[in-house]
Amino acid sequence: MGMLSTLVGSRLPAKYQRFFRLPAREPSWKPVDTADTVLGKAVAKWFRVNAAPAAVYRLNLGREALEARLGLIDHAERSIDIQSYLIKDDVSGNLVALHLAAAADRGVRVRLLMDDALTSEIDSGLLSLSGHVNIQVRVFNPFPRRRSRLISLIANFNILNRRMHNKSFTVDNQVTIVGGRNIADEYFHQGGASEFIDEDLLAIGPVVDSVSDGFDEYWNSSEAIPIEVFGNLVAHMGVDDFIEAGRRYVERFRESDFLRAIDGPLVERLLSGDLDLVGAHATVIQDRPDKIRNLLRWRTSIISEYLQQMVSSAERELIVISPYFVPQKQGVEFFGALVKAGVRVVIITNSLASTNHTSVHAVYERYRRPLLKRGVELYELRPHVGGMETTILTLHSKVATIDRRKLFVGSFNLDPRSLYLNTEMGMTVESEELAGKMADDIYASLPEFAYQLELSRKGKLQWLLRAGGVTEVITTEPHTTLWRRLKTRLMSFLPIEGQM
C-alpha cells in the first residue's frame, strides 16, 4: 500500500473503528483521458455543431430512464461511477448488476457508492459483485452488522441518522444522469403495485466533470467504507455464481411488458446525434460529504442556500414539486412573501393516500391552511389515475421551475431532513425551452393526476377533483380510511418535525 492509502485509512473516524476492522483504502479518481471513447467522440461531435455550454435531455419516463442507464453501461469503455441511496434485488437492480458485470469483463472500472440506510438486505449481492476485479463497492456512513440496526441507530443517533441521499450516474466522465431516481423497479414504471413518478436529467459538457469531482470527494471521504469489511459477517456467493443467479432471475421476466419496453435506442440516438438534446447553461450543486459530520442542528448547507437564492429570484411564477414537503413556519412566510410580491406559487406534493411516509404527511398537514391563506396554490397527488386502480402512484420528483426560464432537478426535498441532515445534490438548467416545456407539462397533468386544495367559506380544507369538465368537492382526505386518518392525526402530535 502506498503512503496516501495508509494516510486515508488512518483518518477514518473513531466511530467506524468501533464498528469494523477497516483496511486502508486506495483512493481513486475520475478518468481524464476519455475523449477517444465512443461517448467522448459523440459528445465532441455535438459541441462542434452546437454552440452551447452544456446540453441536457429530460428523462421523465421511467422506462426510458432505465434504458438510458443500461445503454450507457453497455457503451462504457473506461469508467462507470454510480452514487445511489437505494438499490433493490429486483428486476431493475439485477439488470443493472448484470450489465455492470459485463462492462467490468470488458475492462471498465466500476465504482458503486451506496448509502447504508437500506443496504443490509442486499449486502450479499453487493459483496458478490465486489468480487469482480474491476468492480469496487463502498457504503457511506455504514451501520454495524453485529447488532440490530434499530439498536445501532438509537445508540449512535446523531451519526447514523445522517444519510447520503445523492443520486448520480456517470459514464466515461462524458455523460451523466442526475435526479431523484434510485435503482428499483418502482422508479422505472415496472407496472407493479406501486410506482414512483420521478425525474432525471441526462447531461453532457463540463457539468459532467463537476459531477465526477463530487463523486470523487464522496468516494475518497472517510465515511465511504469498502463493502469487503462485511465479508466475514454476511454470507455471499462468488461473483460468477452471483451473475448466473442474476441471469436466471431476469430470464423469468424476459417476456414481460416491462423488459420489452426498455429495448429502445436512446443511447444509440445520442451516439448518432439524433437525441433531442437542449443546449443550455447547466450547474451541479451538491453538499460536501462532511455535512453529516456537522452535528450542530439547523445549520443550512450548500444546496439549501443555493436553492433559496434561486427560488427567491422568481418574479412571475414558481412551481415546486416535493414529495416530502415540510416548509416549517419560515417556509410558509417565504412562499407567502413571494405571493404578496406578485409571484404565482404552485406547490405539488403527495396526498395522504399516495405518500409512502405517513409520518411526513402528519407534519406537513399542519401547514396546509397557512399556505392556502397566503395565496399559495397547493396540489396533492391522486393515488390512482385512469385504469391503474391496482397501482398506487407516489410522487418522488424533486423539481422546481422559476419564471419558465430556469429549472432544478435533483434529490432535494423541501423538508428539514434535506435541509439539515442528509447530503443532497441536483442540477439547475437555464433554458426557456426546457423550463417552459416542463411547466406546461405539469399544468397539463394536474387535472388528471392531482387534487387541488382549497379552503371553504368556513375555513375547512377541501379537495377539488376536476375530471371531464366536472368538479367534485371532497371534504375528507381522499382514498383514505378513518383509521389511517386517525393514525396520522395522532402522529402529528409527536415532536418529529426536525427528522422529516
Protein backbone atom coordinates (compact mmCIF):
# COMPACT_ATOMS: atom_id res chain seq x y z
CA MET A 1 0.00 0.00 0.00
CA GLY A 2 1.22 3.50 -0.81
CA MET A 3 1.60 6.34 1.66
CA LEU A 4 -1.59 8.05 0.51
CA SER A 5 -3.76 4.98 1.05
CA THR A 6 -2.29 4.49 4.53
CA LEU A 7 -2.98 8.14 5.31
CA VAL A 8 -6.57 7.83 4.14
CA GLY A 9 -7.04 4.76 6.32
CA SER A 10 -5.53 6.47 9.36
CA ARG A 11 -8.05 9.31 9.08
CA LEU A 12 -11.07 7.06 9.49
CA PRO A 13 -13.16 8.41 12.38
CA ALA A 14 -13.22 6.56 15.67
CA LYS A 15 -16.94 5.90 15.19
CA TYR A 16 -16.10 3.42 12.43
CA GLN A 17 -13.09 1.97 14.22
CA ARG A 18 -15.57 0.85 16.90
CA PHE A 19 -17.75 -0.90 14.34
CA PHE A 20 -15.33 -2.51 11.88
CA ARG A 21 -11.80 -3.72 11.32
CA LEU A 22 -11.06 -1.37 8.46
CA PRO A 23 -8.50 -1.89 5.72
CA ALA A 24 -6.56 1.03 4.34
CA ARG A 25 -8.31 2.18 1.18
CA GLU A 26 -6.70 3.04 -2.10
CA PRO A 27 -8.06 6.40 -3.30
CA SER A 28 -9.20 6.66 -6.90
CA TRP A 29 -10.29 9.45 -9.19
CA LYS A 30 -12.24 10.19 -12.34
CA PRO A 31 -10.58 9.30 -15.66
CA VAL A 32 -9.26 12.30 -17.59
CA ASP A 33 -8.38 10.67 -20.92
CA THR A 34 -11.77 9.71 -22.32
CA ALA A 35 -12.10 11.94 -25.39
CA ASP A 36 -11.31 8.96 -27.62
CA THR A 37 -14.15 6.81 -26.26
CA VAL A 38 -17.29 6.31 -28.28
CA LEU A 39 -19.18 8.55 -25.86
CA GLY A 40 -16.39 11.13 -25.91
CA LYS A 41 -16.47 11.28 -29.70
CA ALA A 42 -20.25 11.65 -29.77
CA VAL A 43 -20.12 14.47 -27.21
CA ALA A 44 -17.36 16.27 -29.12
CA LYS A 45 -19.36 15.94 -32.35
CA TRP A 46 -22.43 17.50 -30.74
CA PHE A 47 -20.47 20.50 -29.48
CA ARG A 48 -18.82 21.03 -32.87
CA VAL A 49 -22.28 21.52 -34.35
CA ASN A 50 -23.98 23.32 -31.45
CA ALA A 51 -22.77 26.46 -29.69
CA ALA A 52 -23.82 25.81 -26.09
CA PRO A 53 -22.02 25.46 -22.74
CA ALA A 54 -23.82 22.17 -21.99
CA ALA A 55 -26.67 20.01 -23.24
CA VAL A 56 -29.49 18.31 -21.34
CA TYR A 57 -32.15 15.67 -22.05
CA ARG A 58 -35.12 15.25 -19.75
CA LEU A 59 -35.75 11.68 -18.55
CA ASN A 60 -39.30 11.93 -17.24
CA LEU A 61 -40.41 8.49 -18.43
CA GLY A 62 -39.41 5.70 -16.08
CA ARG A 63 -38.64 3.00 -18.61
CA GLU A 64 -36.63 5.43 -20.74
CA ALA A 65 -34.63 6.35 -17.63
CA LEU A 66 -33.67 2.70 -17.11
CA GLU A 67 -32.98 2.28 -20.81
CA ALA A 68 -30.59 5.23 -20.70
CA ARG A 69 -28.67 3.76 -17.77
CA LEU A 70 -28.33 0.31 -19.31
CA GLY A 71 -27.36 1.76 -22.70
CA LEU A 72 -24.67 3.94 -21.16
CA ILE A 73 -23.24 0.98 -19.25
CA ASP A 74 -23.14 -1.05 -22.45
CA HIS A 75 -21.15 1.67 -24.24
CA ALA A 76 -18.75 2.38 -21.37
CA GLU A 77 -15.06 1.97 -22.16
CA ARG A 78 -13.15 3.41 -19.16
CA SER A 79 -15.31 4.06 -16.11
CA ILE A 80 -18.76 3.86 -14.53
CA ASP A 81 -19.45 5.80 -11.32
CA ILE A 82 -22.82 5.31 -9.60
CA GLN A 83 -23.91 7.09 -6.43
CA SER A 84 -27.27 5.98 -5.04
CA TYR A 85 -29.35 5.94 -1.89
CA LEU A 86 -31.02 2.64 -2.72
CA ILE A 87 -30.67 -0.38 -4.99
CA LYS A 88 -33.07 -3.32 -4.77
CA ASP A 89 -32.80 -7.02 -5.52
CA ASP A 90 -35.50 -6.83 -8.20
CA VAL A 91 -35.60 -6.86 -12.00
CA SER A 92 -34.06 -3.40 -12.38
CA GLY A 93 -31.40 -3.99 -9.75
CA ASN A 94 -30.39 -7.32 -11.26
CA LEU A 95 -30.37 -5.89 -14.78
CA VAL A 96 -28.04 -3.07 -13.72
CA ALA A 97 -25.80 -5.56 -11.88
CA LEU A 98 -25.59 -7.86 -14.92
CA HIS A 99 -24.74 -5.01 -17.26
CA LEU A 100 -22.14 -3.69 -14.80
CA ALA A 101 -20.52 -7.13 -14.62
CA ALA A 102 -20.41 -7.33 -18.43
CA ALA A 103 -18.78 -3.89 -18.58
CA ALA A 104 -16.25 -4.95 -15.95
CA ASP A 105 -15.47 -8.03 -18.04
CA ARG A 106 -14.54 -5.62 -20.88
CA GLY A 107 -12.06 -3.90 -18.55
CA VAL A 108 -14.25 -0.97 -17.47
CA ARG A 109 -13.62 0.25 -13.92
CA VAL A 110 -16.87 0.30 -11.93
CA ARG A 111 -17.29 2.25 -8.70
CA LEU A 112 -20.60 1.85 -6.85
CA LEU A 113 -21.19 4.09 -3.84
CA MET A 114 -24.28 3.28 -1.77
CA ASP A 115 -25.79 4.88 1.27
CA ASP A 116 -26.26 2.32 4.04
CA ALA A 117 -29.75 3.25 5.24
CA LEU A 118 -31.38 0.41 3.28
CA THR A 119 -28.42 -1.70 2.18
CA SER A 120 -28.50 -4.61 4.64
CA GLU A 121 -30.99 -6.61 2.55
CA ILE A 122 -28.61 -6.63 -0.43
CA ASP A 123 -25.31 -6.93 1.43
CA SER A 124 -24.71 -10.39 0.00
CA GLY A 125 -25.28 -9.22 -3.60
CA LEU A 126 -23.04 -6.18 -3.21
CA LEU A 127 -20.32 -8.35 -1.68
CA SER A 128 -20.57 -10.82 -4.55
CA LEU A 129 -20.42 -8.03 -7.13
CA SER A 130 -17.36 -6.50 -5.47
CA GLY A 131 -15.59 -9.82 -6.01
CA HIS A 132 -15.02 -8.81 -9.63
CA VAL A 133 -11.51 -7.46 -10.12
CA ASN A 134 -12.85 -4.33 -11.86
CA ILE A 135 -15.76 -3.55 -9.51
CA GLN A 136 -15.44 -1.68 -6.23
CA VAL A 137 -18.37 -1.15 -3.86
CA ARG A 138 -18.35 1.24 -0.92
CA VAL A 139 -21.10 2.07 1.58
CA PHE A 140 -21.45 5.53 3.06
CA ASN A 141 -21.77 6.03 6.82
CA PRO A 142 -22.42 2.33 7.46
CA PHE A 143 -24.31 0.69 10.29
CA PRO A 144 -22.56 -2.03 12.30
CA ARG A 145 -23.65 -5.53 11.26
CA ARG A 146 -23.16 -7.34 14.55
CA ARG A 147 -26.31 -5.98 16.18
CA SER A 148 -29.78 -4.72 15.39
CA ARG A 149 -29.88 -1.69 13.10
CA LEU A 150 -32.55 -0.15 15.33
CA ILE A 151 -30.37 -0.54 18.41
CA SER A 152 -27.39 0.85 16.49
CA LEU A 153 -29.45 3.85 15.35
CA ILE A 154 -30.61 4.58 18.89
CA ALA A 155 -27.09 4.21 20.30
CA ASN A 156 -25.47 6.34 17.59
CA PHE A 157 -28.41 8.52 16.55
CA ASN A 158 -26.55 11.73 15.72
CA ILE A 159 -24.19 9.82 13.44
CA LEU A 160 -26.37 7.19 11.76
CA ASN A 161 -29.41 9.45 11.32
CA ARG A 162 -27.49 11.47 8.69
CA ARG A 163 -27.57 9.88 5.26
CA MET A 164 -26.17 10.35 1.75
CA HIS A 165 -29.24 10.99 -0.41
CA ASN A 166 -27.35 11.94 -3.61
CA LYS A 167 -28.04 10.21 -6.93
CA SER A 168 -25.72 10.35 -9.93
CA PHE A 169 -24.78 8.00 -12.75
CA THR A 170 -21.70 8.91 -14.81
CA VAL A 171 -20.01 7.00 -17.64
CA ASP A 172 -16.51 7.67 -19.01
CA ASN A 173 -16.67 11.17 -17.47
CA GLN A 174 -18.57 12.13 -20.65
CA VAL A 175 -22.28 11.60 -19.89
CA THR A 176 -24.07 11.88 -16.55
CA ILE A 177 -27.57 11.37 -15.18
CA VAL A 178 -28.63 13.39 -12.12
CA GLY A 179 -32.04 13.34 -10.48
CA GLY A 180 -34.25 11.64 -7.96
CA ARG A 181 -34.37 8.01 -9.07
CA ASN A 182 -32.93 5.14 -7.08
CA ILE A 183 -32.31 1.78 -8.73
CA ALA A 184 -35.51 -0.18 -8.14
CA ASP A 185 -38.47 -1.28 -10.25
CA GLU A 186 -40.94 1.27 -8.88
CA TYR A 187 -38.80 4.12 -10.26
CA PHE A 188 -38.90 2.74 -13.81
CA HIS A 189 -42.64 2.05 -14.31
CA GLN A 190 -42.39 -1.70 -13.95
CA GLY A 191 -46.16 -1.92 -13.60
CA GLY A 192 -46.33 -3.34 -10.09
CA ALA A 193 -48.42 -2.47 -7.06
CA SER A 194 -46.50 0.76 -6.51
CA GLU A 195 -44.97 3.21 -8.98
CA PHE A 196 -42.99 6.37 -8.32
CA ILE A 197 -43.30 9.47 -10.50
CA ASP A 198 -39.78 10.86 -10.84
CA GLU A 199 -37.40 12.96 -12.92
CA ASP A 200 -33.78 12.77 -14.11
CA LEU A 201 -31.65 14.91 -16.39
CA LEU A 202 -29.09 13.38 -18.74
CA ALA A 203 -26.31 15.88 -19.44
CA ILE A 204 -23.10 16.36 -21.43
CA GLY A 205 -20.46 19.07 -21.24
CA PRO A 206 -18.35 20.50 -18.38
CA VAL A 207 -21.18 19.83 -15.94
CA VAL A 208 -20.24 16.12 -16.15
CA ASP A 209 -16.79 16.91 -14.78
CA SER A 210 -18.42 18.66 -11.81
CA VAL A 211 -20.47 15.54 -11.05
CA SER A 212 -17.32 13.42 -11.26
CA ASP A 213 -15.43 15.74 -8.92
CA GLY A 214 -18.24 15.45 -6.40
CA PHE A 215 -18.31 11.68 -6.72
CA ASP A 216 -14.56 11.51 -6.11
CA GLU A 217 -14.90 13.60 -2.97
CA TYR A 218 -17.54 11.25 -1.57
CA TRP A 219 -15.73 8.11 -2.74
CA ASN A 220 -12.49 9.12 -1.04
CA SER A 221 -14.13 10.53 2.10
CA SER A 222 -13.62 8.85 5.45
CA GLU A 223 -17.30 7.84 5.53
CA ALA A 224 -17.08 5.67 2.37
CA ILE A 225 -16.25 2.18 3.65
CA PRO A 226 -15.38 -0.79 1.38
CA ILE A 227 -18.15 -3.39 1.36
CA GLU A 228 -15.49 -6.04 1.99
CA VAL A 229 -15.46 -5.17 5.70
CA PHE A 230 -18.76 -7.08 5.92
CA GLY A 231 -17.27 -10.16 4.27
CA ASN A 232 -16.96 -12.17 7.49
CA LEU A 233 -20.39 -11.04 8.71
CA VAL A 234 -22.57 -11.70 5.67
CA ALA A 235 -22.82 -14.95 3.70
CA HIS A 236 -22.36 -14.39 -0.03
CA MET A 237 -21.56 -16.32 -3.20
CA GLY A 238 -18.73 -15.88 -5.68
CA VAL A 239 -19.13 -13.33 -8.45
CA ASP A 240 -19.65 -15.95 -11.19
CA ASP A 241 -22.39 -17.71 -9.23
CA PHE A 242 -23.96 -14.34 -8.44
CA ILE A 243 -24.03 -13.37 -12.11
CA GLU A 244 -25.57 -16.70 -13.09
CA ALA A 245 -28.25 -16.33 -10.40
CA GLY A 246 -28.99 -12.84 -11.68
CA ARG A 247 -29.35 -14.13 -15.23
CA ARG A 248 -31.81 -16.81 -14.12
CA TYR A 249 -33.82 -14.25 -12.17
CA VAL A 250 -34.08 -11.77 -15.05
CA GLU A 251 -34.90 -14.53 -17.52
CA ARG A 252 -38.14 -15.17 -15.63
CA PHE A 253 -39.30 -11.71 -16.74
CA ARG A 254 -37.86 -11.73 -20.25
CA GLU A 255 -41.29 -11.71 -21.94
CA SER A 256 -42.81 -9.12 -19.60
CA ASP A 257 -44.11 -5.81 -20.94
CA PHE A 258 -41.55 -4.08 -18.71
CA LEU A 259 -38.47 -5.68 -20.28
CA ARG A 260 -39.90 -5.49 -23.78
CA ALA A 261 -40.33 -1.72 -23.34
CA ILE A 262 -36.72 -0.90 -22.39
CA ASP A 263 -35.05 -2.08 -25.56
CA GLY A 264 -35.32 1.34 -27.20
CA PRO A 265 -32.44 3.12 -28.93
CA LEU A 266 -31.99 6.16 -26.66
CA VAL A 267 -28.21 5.88 -26.30
CA GLU A 268 -27.87 4.93 -29.95
CA ARG A 269 -29.66 8.19 -30.76
CA LEU A 270 -27.19 10.01 -28.51
CA LEU A 271 -24.27 8.45 -30.37
CA SER A 272 -25.71 9.23 -33.80
CA GLY A 273 -26.55 12.82 -32.88
CA ASP A 274 -30.32 12.25 -33.19
CA LEU A 275 -31.20 12.65 -29.50
CA ASP A 276 -33.10 15.88 -28.85
CA LEU A 277 -30.56 17.43 -26.50
CA VAL A 278 -31.29 21.00 -25.37
CA GLY A 279 -28.33 23.37 -25.30
CA ALA A 280 -28.24 25.33 -22.04
CA HIS A 281 -26.26 26.60 -19.10
CA ALA A 282 -26.18 23.80 -16.52
CA THR A 283 -24.79 23.77 -12.99
CA VAL A 284 -24.40 20.95 -10.50
CA ILE A 285 -24.94 21.80 -6.85
CA GLN A 286 -24.04 19.28 -4.18
CA ASP A 287 -23.41 19.17 -0.48
CA ARG A 288 -19.99 18.24 0.79
CA PRO A 289 -19.77 14.78 2.41
CA ASP A 290 -18.66 16.36 5.67
CA LYS A 291 -22.21 17.75 6.10
CA ILE A 292 -23.02 14.59 8.07
CA ARG A 293 -20.16 15.34 10.49
CA ASN A 294 -21.71 18.68 11.46
CA LEU A 295 -23.73 17.77 14.50
CA LEU A 296 -24.94 21.34 15.03
CA ARG A 297 -28.67 21.37 14.29
CA TRP A 298 -30.38 23.85 11.99
CA ARG A 299 -27.28 24.79 10.07
CA THR A 300 -28.03 25.05 6.37
CA SER A 301 -25.89 23.59 3.59
CA ILE A 302 -24.52 24.42 0.17
CA ILE A 303 -27.51 23.17 -1.78
CA SER A 304 -30.16 24.62 0.56
CA GLU A 305 -28.60 28.08 0.43
CA TYR A 306 -28.27 27.88 -3.36
CA LEU A 307 -31.88 26.84 -3.82
CA GLN A 308 -33.15 29.57 -1.53
CA GLN A 309 -31.37 32.18 -3.62
CA MET A 310 -32.61 30.62 -6.86
CA VAL A 311 -36.24 30.44 -5.75
CA SER A 312 -36.06 33.98 -4.34
CA SER A 313 -35.28 35.23 -7.85
CA ALA A 314 -38.79 34.30 -9.08
CA GLU A 315 -40.66 37.31 -10.44
CA ARG A 316 -43.77 35.81 -12.06
CA GLU A 317 -44.11 32.08 -11.38
CA LEU A 318 -42.67 29.39 -9.15
CA ILE A 319 -43.61 25.72 -9.39
CA VAL A 320 -42.23 23.37 -6.74
CA ILE A 321 -42.66 19.58 -6.72
CA SER A 322 -41.55 17.97 -3.47
CA PRO A 323 -42.85 14.52 -2.43
CA TYR A 324 -42.00 15.21 1.21
CA PHE A 325 -42.97 18.81 1.94
CA VAL A 326 -42.44 20.28 5.41
CA PRO A 327 -41.96 24.03 4.88
CA GLN A 328 -41.87 24.97 8.57
CA LYS A 329 -43.03 28.42 9.66
CA GLN A 330 -40.23 30.22 7.84
CA GLY A 331 -41.12 28.42 4.62
CA VAL A 332 -44.75 29.44 4.91
CA GLU A 333 -43.71 33.05 5.36
CA PHE A 334 -41.22 32.78 2.49
CA PHE A 335 -43.76 31.48 -0.02
CA GLY A 336 -46.35 33.92 1.27
CA ALA A 337 -43.98 36.82 0.68
CA LEU A 338 -43.46 35.69 -2.91
CA VAL A 339 -47.22 35.61 -3.49
CA LYS A 340 -47.53 39.08 -1.95
CA ALA A 341 -44.87 40.28 -4.39
CA GLY A 342 -46.98 39.08 -7.31
CA VAL A 343 -45.46 35.64 -7.92
CA ARG A 344 -47.76 32.72 -8.68
CA VAL A 345 -46.59 29.97 -6.31
CA VAL A 346 -47.68 26.38 -7.07
CA ILE A 347 -46.72 23.54 -4.71
CA ILE A 348 -47.29 19.88 -5.64
CA THR A 349 -46.76 17.09 -3.12
CA ASN A 350 -48.17 13.71 -2.09
CA SER A 351 -51.63 13.19 -0.64
CA LEU A 352 -52.10 11.03 2.41
CA ALA A 353 -53.29 8.25 0.09
CA SER A 354 -50.23 8.44 -2.18
CA THR A 355 -47.41 9.08 0.28
CA ASN A 356 -45.07 6.27 1.34
CA HIS A 357 -44.17 8.14 4.55
CA THR A 358 -47.26 8.81 6.66
CA SER A 359 -45.14 10.45 9.35
CA VAL A 360 -44.06 13.18 6.92
CA HIS A 361 -47.68 13.83 5.95
CA ALA A 362 -48.56 14.10 9.63
CA VAL A 363 -46.21 17.06 9.93
CA TYR A 364 -46.94 18.56 6.51
CA GLU A 365 -50.69 18.75 7.07
CA ARG A 366 -50.34 21.42 9.77
CA TYR A 367 -49.02 23.84 7.13
CA ARG A 368 -51.76 23.44 4.52
CA ARG A 369 -54.16 26.05 5.85
CA PRO A 370 -51.47 28.69 6.48
CA LEU A 371 -50.16 28.23 2.92
CA LEU A 372 -53.61 28.47 1.36
CA LYS A 373 -54.44 31.57 3.42
CA ARG A 374 -51.36 33.26 1.95
CA GLY A 375 -52.44 32.53 -1.61
CA VAL A 376 -50.19 29.56 -2.37
CA GLU A 377 -51.75 27.06 -4.81
CA LEU A 378 -51.49 23.62 -3.28
CA TYR A 379 -51.95 20.28 -5.08
CA GLU A 380 -51.72 16.69 -3.85
CA LEU A 381 -51.14 13.60 -6.00
CA ARG A 382 -54.01 11.19 -6.56
CA PRO A 383 -53.08 7.58 -5.68
CA HIS A 384 -54.81 6.16 -8.77
CA VAL A 385 -55.34 7.54 -12.29
CA GLY A 386 -57.03 6.21 -15.40
CA GLY A 387 -57.29 2.44 -15.36
CA MET A 388 -54.46 1.98 -12.83
CA GLU A 389 -56.72 1.14 -9.90
CA THR A 390 -54.42 -1.65 -8.69
CA THR A 391 -51.31 0.55 -8.75
CA ILE A 392 -50.60 3.20 -6.12
CA LEU A 393 -48.81 6.22 -7.55
CA THR A 394 -46.34 8.02 -5.31
CA LEU A 395 -44.71 11.32 -6.15
CA HIS A 396 -40.90 11.19 -5.89
CA SER A 397 -39.81 14.02 -8.23
CA LYS A 398 -37.86 16.91 -6.75
CA VAL A 399 -38.37 19.72 -9.25
CA ALA A 400 -38.61 23.50 -9.32
CA THR A 401 -39.21 25.84 -12.26
CA ILE A 402 -38.66 29.58 -11.99
CA ASP A 403 -40.35 32.00 -14.41
CA ARG A 404 -40.20 29.34 -17.14
CA ARG A 405 -36.53 30.18 -17.64
CA LYS A 406 -34.73 28.05 -15.06
CA LEU A 407 -35.35 24.63 -13.56
CA PHE A 408 -33.93 22.38 -10.88
CA VAL A 409 -33.99 18.57 -10.77
CA GLY A 410 -32.31 16.58 -8.03
CA SER A 411 -32.57 14.66 -4.77
CA PHE A 412 -33.53 17.59 -2.51
CA ASN A 413 -36.89 17.56 -0.72
CA LEU A 414 -38.32 20.67 0.90
CA ASP A 415 -38.11 19.30 4.42
CA PRO A 416 -35.78 19.57 7.44
CA ARG A 417 -34.06 16.28 6.61
CA SER A 418 -32.79 17.53 3.25
CA LEU A 419 -32.07 20.97 4.71
CA TYR A 420 -30.06 19.94 7.73
CA LEU A 421 -29.36 16.19 7.95
CA ASN A 422 -28.86 14.39 4.62
CA THR A 423 -26.40 15.25 1.88
CA GLU A 424 -28.13 16.17 -1.37
CA MET A 425 -27.38 17.13 -4.96
CA GLY A 426 -29.11 18.38 -8.08
CA MET A 427 -28.74 20.17 -11.39
CA THR A 428 -30.03 23.59 -12.41
CA VAL A 429 -30.59 24.38 -16.07
CA GLU A 430 -31.12 27.81 -17.58
CA SER A 431 -33.31 27.14 -20.60
CA GLU A 432 -36.61 28.73 -21.54
CA GLU A 433 -37.28 25.78 -23.83
CA LEU A 434 -36.80 23.11 -21.19
CA ALA A 435 -38.23 25.02 -18.21
CA GLY A 436 -41.22 26.21 -20.21
CA LYS A 437 -41.97 22.71 -21.50
CA MET A 438 -41.72 21.26 -18.01
CA ALA A 439 -44.08 23.92 -16.61
CA ASP A 440 -46.58 23.29 -19.41
CA ASP A 441 -46.43 19.53 -18.82
CA ILE A 442 -47.00 20.00 -15.09
CA TYR A 443 -50.06 22.18 -15.57
CA ALA A 444 -51.47 19.84 -18.22
CA SER A 445 -51.15 16.83 -15.88
CA LEU A 446 -52.70 18.41 -12.77
CA PRO A 447 -56.40 17.77 -13.61
CA GLU A 448 -55.78 14.06 -14.15
CA PHE A 449 -53.10 13.43 -11.52
CA ALA A 450 -53.81 15.75 -8.61
CA TYR A 451 -56.38 17.22 -6.26
CA GLN A 452 -56.35 20.98 -5.77
CA LEU A 453 -56.74 22.04 -2.16
CA GLU A 454 -58.91 24.98 -1.20
CA LEU A 455 -60.48 26.43 1.92
CA SER A 456 -64.25 26.51 2.19
CA ARG A 457 -66.07 29.62 3.33
CA LYS A 458 -65.87 28.25 6.86
CA GLY A 459 -62.12 27.69 6.55
CA LYS A 460 -62.35 23.92 6.17
CA LEU A 461 -60.00 22.03 3.86
CA GLN A 462 -61.49 20.58 0.73
CA TRP A 463 -60.03 18.68 -2.22
CA LEU A 464 -61.19 19.54 -5.73
CA LEU A 465 -61.17 16.75 -8.30
CA ARG A 466 -61.64 18.04 -11.82
CA ALA A 467 -62.40 15.45 -14.49
CA GLY A 468 -64.39 15.61 -17.71
CA GLY A 469 -65.39 19.20 -17.13
CA VAL A 470 -66.93 18.33 -13.75
CA THR A 471 -65.57 19.41 -10.37
CA GLU A 472 -66.10 17.12 -7.39
CA VAL A 473 -65.63 18.60 -3.91
CA ILE A 474 -64.23 16.17 -1.33
CA THR A 475 -64.24 17.13 2.35
CA THR A 476 -62.02 14.39 3.86
CA GLU A 477 -58.60 13.09 2.87
CA PRO A 478 -59.41 11.28 -0.41
CA HIS A 479 -58.99 7.50 -0.73
CA THR A 480 -58.11 7.03 2.94
CA THR A 481 -59.66 5.06 5.77
CA LEU A 482 -60.79 6.51 9.07
CA TRP A 483 -58.01 4.52 10.79
CA ARG A 484 -55.29 5.96 8.57
CA ARG A 485 -56.57 9.49 9.12
CA LEU A 486 -56.73 8.93 12.89
CA LYS A 487 -53.24 7.42 12.98
CA THR A 488 -51.87 10.36 11.01
CA ARG A 489 -53.54 12.82 13.33
CA LEU A 490 -52.03 11.11 16.38
CA MET A 491 -48.59 11.17 14.76
CA SER A 492 -48.93 14.91 14.15
CA PHE A 493 -48.69 15.48 17.92
CA LEU A 494 -45.27 13.80 18.16
CA PRO A 495 -42.11 16.00 18.24
CA ILE A 496 -40.80 14.59 14.94
CA GLU A 497 -40.72 17.61 12.63
CA GLY A 498 -36.95 18.00 12.74
CA GLN A 499 -36.46 14.43 11.49
CA MET A 500 -38.78 14.69 8.46
